[in-house]
C-alpha atoms as a PDB file:
ATOM      1  CA  UNK A   1     233.652 103.933  85.139  1.00  0.00           C
ATOM      2  CA  UNK A   2     233.552 100.349  85.087  1.00  0.00           C
ATOM      3  CA  UNK A   3     233.540  98.083  82.304  1.00  0.00           C
ATOM      4  CA  UNK A   4     229.669  97.694  82.319  1.00  0.00           C
ATOM      5  CA  UNK A   5     228.860 101.883  82.492  1.00  0.00           C
ATOM      6  CA  UNK A   6     231.478 101.901  79.350  1.00  0.00           C
ATOM      7  CA  UNK A   7     229.058  99.291  77.590  1.00  0.00           C
ATOM      8  CA  UNK A   8     225.809 100.942  78.718  1.00  0.00           C
ATOM      9  CA  UNK A   9     227.511 104.217  77.320  1.00  0.00           C
ATOM     10  CA  UNK A  10     228.402 102.312  73.856  1.00  0.00           C
ATOM     11  CA  UNK A  11     224.653 101.150  73.539  1.00  0.00           C
ATOM     12  CA  UNK A  12     223.479 104.545  74.354  1.00  0.00           C
ATOM     13  CA  UNK A  13     225.696 106.363  71.793  1.00  0.00           C
ATOM     14  CA  UNK A  14     224.766 103.659  69.034  1.00  0.00           C
ATOM     15  CA  UNK A  15     221.123 104.025  69.603  1.00  0.00           C
ATOM     16  CA  UNK A  16     221.117 107.830  69.845  1.00  0.00           C
ATOM     17  CA  UNK A  17     223.017 107.792  66.268  1.00  0.00           C
ATOM     18  CA  UNK A  18     220.314 105.308  64.806  1.00  0.00           C
ATOM     19  CA  UNK A  19     217.441 107.279  66.271  1.00  0.00           C
ATOM     20  CA  UNK A  20     219.122 110.586  65.299  1.00  0.00           C
ATOM     21  CA  UNK A  21     219.217 109.132  61.573  1.00  0.00           C
ATOM     22  CA  UNK A  22     215.545 108.179  61.619  1.00  0.00           C
ATOM     23  CA  UNK A  23     214.491 111.667  62.864  1.00  0.00           C
ATOM     24  CA  UNK A  24     216.616 113.360  60.521  1.00  0.00           C
ATOM     25  CA  UNK A  25     215.590 111.047  57.562  1.00  0.00           C
ATOM     26  CA  UNK A  26     211.672 110.600  58.399  1.00  0.00           C
ATOM     27  CA  UNK A  27     210.583 113.908  57.698  1.00  0.00           C
ATOM     28  CA  UNK A  28     212.540 114.152  54.259  1.00  0.00           C
ATOM     29  CA  UNK A  29     210.638 110.765  53.334  1.00  0.00           C
ATOM     30  CA  UNK A  30     207.753 113.104  54.010  1.00  0.00           C
ATOM     31  CA  UNK A  31     208.718 115.723  51.724  1.00  0.00           C
ATOM     32  CA  UNK A  32     208.940 113.159  49.022  1.00  0.00           C
ATOM     33  CA  UNK A  33     205.672 111.373  49.930  1.00  0.00           C
ATOM     34  CA  UNK A  34     203.671 114.632  50.048  1.00  0.00           C
ATOM     35  CA  UNK A  35     204.846 115.337  46.736  1.00  0.00           C
ATOM     36  CA  UNK A  36     203.342 111.988  44.902  1.00  0.00           C
ATOM     37  CA  UNK A  37     199.556 111.063  44.596  1.00  0.00           C
ATOM     38  CA  UNK A  38     198.122 109.251  47.256  1.00  0.00           C
ATOM     39  CA  UNK A  39     197.301 105.316  46.402  1.00  0.00           C
ATOM     40  CA  UNK A  40     200.117 105.772  43.590  1.00  0.00           C
ATOM     41  CA  UNK A  41     202.912 103.342  43.460  1.00  0.00           C
ATOM     42  CA  UNK A  42     205.416 105.564  45.131  1.00  0.00           C
ATOM     43  CA  UNK A  43     203.033 106.395  47.665  1.00  0.00           C
ATOM     44  CA  UNK A  44     202.877 102.864  48.603  1.00  0.00           C
ATOM     45  CA  UNK A  45     206.163 102.318  48.550  1.00  0.00           C
ATOM     46  CA  UNK A  46     207.306 105.555  50.902  1.00  0.00           C
ATOM     47  CA  UNK A  47     204.619 104.199  53.182  1.00  0.00           C
ATOM     48  CA  UNK A  48     206.348 100.878  53.405  1.00  0.00           C
ATOM     49  CA  UNK A  49     209.670 103.136  53.904  1.00  0.00           C
ATOM     50  CA  UNK A  50     208.356 105.016  56.676  1.00  0.00           C
ATOM     51  CA  UNK A  51     206.723 102.123  58.556  1.00  0.00           C
ATOM     52  CA  UNK A  52     209.989  99.962  58.653  1.00  0.00           C
ATOM     53  CA  UNK A  53     211.879 103.231  59.308  1.00  0.00           C
ATOM     54  CA  UNK A  54     209.752 104.129  62.172  1.00  0.00           C
ATOM     55  CA  UNK A  55     209.006 100.559  63.633  1.00  0.00           C
ATOM     56  CA  UNK A  56     212.369  99.078  62.612  1.00  0.00           C
ATOM     57  CA  UNK A  57     215.119 101.381  63.688  1.00  0.00           C
ATOM     58  CA  UNK A  58     213.511 104.750  65.659  1.00  0.00           C
ATOM     59  CA  UNK A  59     211.341 103.296  68.321  1.00  0.00           C
ATOM     60  CA  UNK A  60     213.646 100.423  69.073  1.00  0.00           C
ATOM     61  CA  UNK A  61     216.581 102.977  69.479  1.00  0.00           C
ATOM     62  CA  UNK A  62     214.376 104.983  71.277  1.00  0.00           C
ATOM     63  CA  UNK A  63     213.632 102.494  73.581  1.00  0.00           C
ATOM     64  CA  UNK A  64     217.430 102.197  74.325  1.00  0.00           C
ATOM     65  CA  UNK A  65     218.081 105.900  74.253  1.00  0.00           C
ATOM     66  CA  UNK A  66     215.320 105.991  77.434  1.00  0.00           C
ATOM     67  CA  UNK A  67     216.647 103.161  79.509  1.00  0.00           C
ATOM     68  CA  UNK A  68     220.365 104.018  79.119  1.00  0.00           C
ATOM     69  CA  UNK A  69     220.290 107.603  79.646  1.00  0.00           C
ATOM     70  CA  UNK A  70     218.866 107.812  82.854  1.00  0.00           C
ATOM     71  CA  UNK A  71     221.346 105.000  83.973  1.00  0.00           C
ATOM     72  CA  UNK A  72     224.289 106.861  82.634  1.00  0.00           C
ATOM     73  CA  UNK A  73     223.334 110.157  84.202  1.00  0.00           C
ATOM     74  CA  UNK A  74     222.840 108.172  87.500  1.00  0.00           C
ATOM     75  CA  UNK A  75     225.946 106.317  87.618  1.00  0.00           C
ATOM     76  CA  UNK A  76     227.986 109.629  86.496  1.00  0.00           C
ATOM     77  CA  UNK A  77     226.834 111.693  88.920  1.00  0.00           C
ATOM     78  CA  UNK A  78     225.085 114.187  86.919  1.00  0.00           C
ATOM     79  CA  UNK A  79     221.299 114.048  88.042  1.00  0.00           C
ATOM     80  CA  UNK A  80     221.914 117.495  90.069  1.00  0.00           C
ATOM     81  CA  UNK A  81     223.866 119.070  87.174  1.00  0.00           C
ATOM     82  CA  UNK A  82     221.844 122.414  85.790  1.00  0.00           C
ATOM     83  CA  UNK A  83     223.108 121.398  82.115  1.00  0.00           C
ATOM     84  CA  UNK A  84     221.632 118.015  82.643  1.00  0.00           C
ATOM     85  CA  UNK A  85     218.079 119.458  83.156  1.00  0.00           C
ATOM     86  CA  UNK A  86     218.062 121.623  80.183  1.00  0.00           C
ATOM     87  CA  UNK A  87     219.493 118.672  78.169  1.00  0.00           C
ATOM     88  CA  UNK A  88     216.470 116.542  79.423  1.00  0.00           C
ATOM     89  CA  UNK A  89     214.112 119.208  78.689  1.00  0.00           C
ATOM     90  CA  UNK A  90     215.571 119.212  75.089  1.00  0.00           C
ATOM     91  CA  UNK A  91     215.263 115.507  74.678  1.00  0.00           C
ATOM     92  CA  UNK A  92     211.722 115.856  75.856  1.00  0.00           C
ATOM     93  CA  UNK A  93     211.530 118.100  72.759  1.00  0.00           C
ATOM     94  CA  UNK A  94     212.885 115.239  70.607  1.00  0.00           C
ATOM     95  CA  UNK A  95     210.546 112.686  72.034  1.00  0.00           C
ATOM     96  CA  UNK A  96     207.595 115.083  71.528  1.00  0.00           C
ATOM     97  CA  UNK A  97     208.875 115.550  67.716  1.00  0.00           C
ATOM     98  CA  UNK A  98     208.820 111.814  67.304  1.00  0.00           C
ATOM     99  CA  UNK A  99     205.410 111.464  68.359  1.00  0.00           C
ATOM    100  CA  UNK A 100     204.406 114.019  65.951  1.00  0.00           C
ATOM    101  CA  UNK A 101     206.391 111.836  63.204  1.00  0.00           C
ATOM    102  CA  UNK A 102     204.405 108.525  64.482  1.00  0.00           C
ATOM    103  CA  UNK A 103     201.379 110.437  63.811  1.00  0.00           C
ATOM    104  CA  UNK A 104     202.358 111.834  60.458  1.00  0.00           C
ATOM    105  CA  UNK A 105     203.386 108.405  59.211  1.00  0.00           C
ATOM    106  CA  UNK A 106     199.994 107.488  60.466  1.00  0.00           C
ATOM    107  CA  UNK A 107     198.275 110.193  58.232  1.00  0.00           C
ATOM    108  CA  UNK A 108     200.266 109.367  55.498  1.00  0.00           C
ATOM    109  CA  UNK A 109     199.764 105.588  55.717  1.00  0.00           C
ATOM    110  CA  UNK A 110     195.947 106.313  55.717  1.00  0.00           C
ATOM    111  CA  UNK A 111     196.183 108.725  52.900  1.00  0.00           C
ATOM    112  CA  UNK A 112     195.130 111.398  54.993  1.00  0.00           C
ATOM    113  CA  UNK A 113     198.200 113.870  55.036  1.00  0.00           C
ATOM    114  CA  UNK A 114     197.256 117.499  54.694  1.00  0.00           C
ATOM    115  CA  UNK A 115     200.613 119.031  54.970  1.00  0.00           C
ATOM    116  CA  UNK A 116     203.028 120.334  52.097  1.00  0.00           C
ATOM    117  CA  UNK A 117     206.197 119.162  51.176  1.00  0.00           C
ATOM    118  CA  UNK A 118     207.363 122.699  52.546  1.00  0.00           C
ATOM    119  CA  UNK A 119     206.005 121.992  56.162  1.00  0.00           C
ATOM    120  CA  UNK A 120     208.023 119.028  56.167  1.00  0.00           C
ATOM    121  CA  UNK A 121     211.143 120.584  54.610  1.00  0.00           C
ATOM    122  CA  UNK A 122     211.134 123.239  57.071  1.00  0.00           C
ATOM    123  CA  UNK A 123     210.124 120.858  60.465  1.00  0.00           C
ATOM    124  CA  UNK A 124     213.195 118.428  59.292  1.00  0.00           C
ATOM    125  CA  UNK A 125     215.265 121.208  60.585  1.00  0.00           C
ATOM    126  CA  UNK A 126     213.769 120.741  64.352  1.00  0.00           C
ATOM    127  CA  UNK A 127     215.870 117.734  65.118  1.00  0.00           C
ATOM    128  CA  UNK A 128     218.611 118.810  63.696  1.00  0.00           C
ATOM    129  CA  UNK A 129     218.837 122.157  65.819  1.00  0.00           C
ATOM    130  CA  UNK A 130     218.059 120.110  69.199  1.00  0.00           C
ATOM    131  CA  UNK A 131     220.598 117.388  68.561  1.00  0.00           C
ATOM    132  CA  UNK A 132     223.108 120.246  68.074  1.00  0.00           C
ATOM    133  CA  UNK A 133     222.311 121.676  71.377  1.00  0.00           C
ATOM    134  CA  UNK A 134     221.907 118.160  73.291  1.00  0.00           C
ATOM    135  CA  UNK A 135     225.219 117.314  72.066  1.00  0.00           C
ATOM    136  CA  UNK A 136     227.016 120.566  73.205  1.00  0.00           C
ATOM    137  CA  UNK A 137     225.214 120.598  76.687  1.00  0.00           C
ATOM    138  CA  UNK A 138     226.304 116.905  76.958  1.00  0.00           C
ATOM    139  CA  UNK A 139     230.005 117.695  75.789  1.00  0.00           C
ATOM    140  CA  UNK A 140     230.660 120.743  77.522  1.00  0.00           C
ATOM    141  CA  UNK A 141     228.768 120.494  80.417  1.00  0.00           C
ATOM    142  CA  UNK A 142     228.548 124.351  80.749  1.00  0.00           C
ATOM    143  CA  UNK A 143     227.119 124.989  83.872  1.00  0.00           C
END
């Protein structure tokens, strides 16, 4: 692996960490936000926190992940590996979840949330499960 590839790998790992931090924290903010009255001072604070997390950390990190991941797969010769195809499918699941969280953030911003705190507690587990499976595939490369 070249020095450039090592830097890209480091950038990829850092971006994944930032993205996953947001994917784990944003639905937790939704749990708390769902428990306060719309247009209240607390609701407005949650709106700001959610917007800044999504736009300032999660979206930029996601872009870096999307740009560096395929590069690494190609450079390291894993493009045809079956484990990578499963990993990509799981990452696509995370992307779909990211989109869902973005839509929910907008619903909260417009005071249109209809989901309960319990729903967000449950959905908060999905990124964790996907992350565990993705890391296991990336590290173990089982097939």
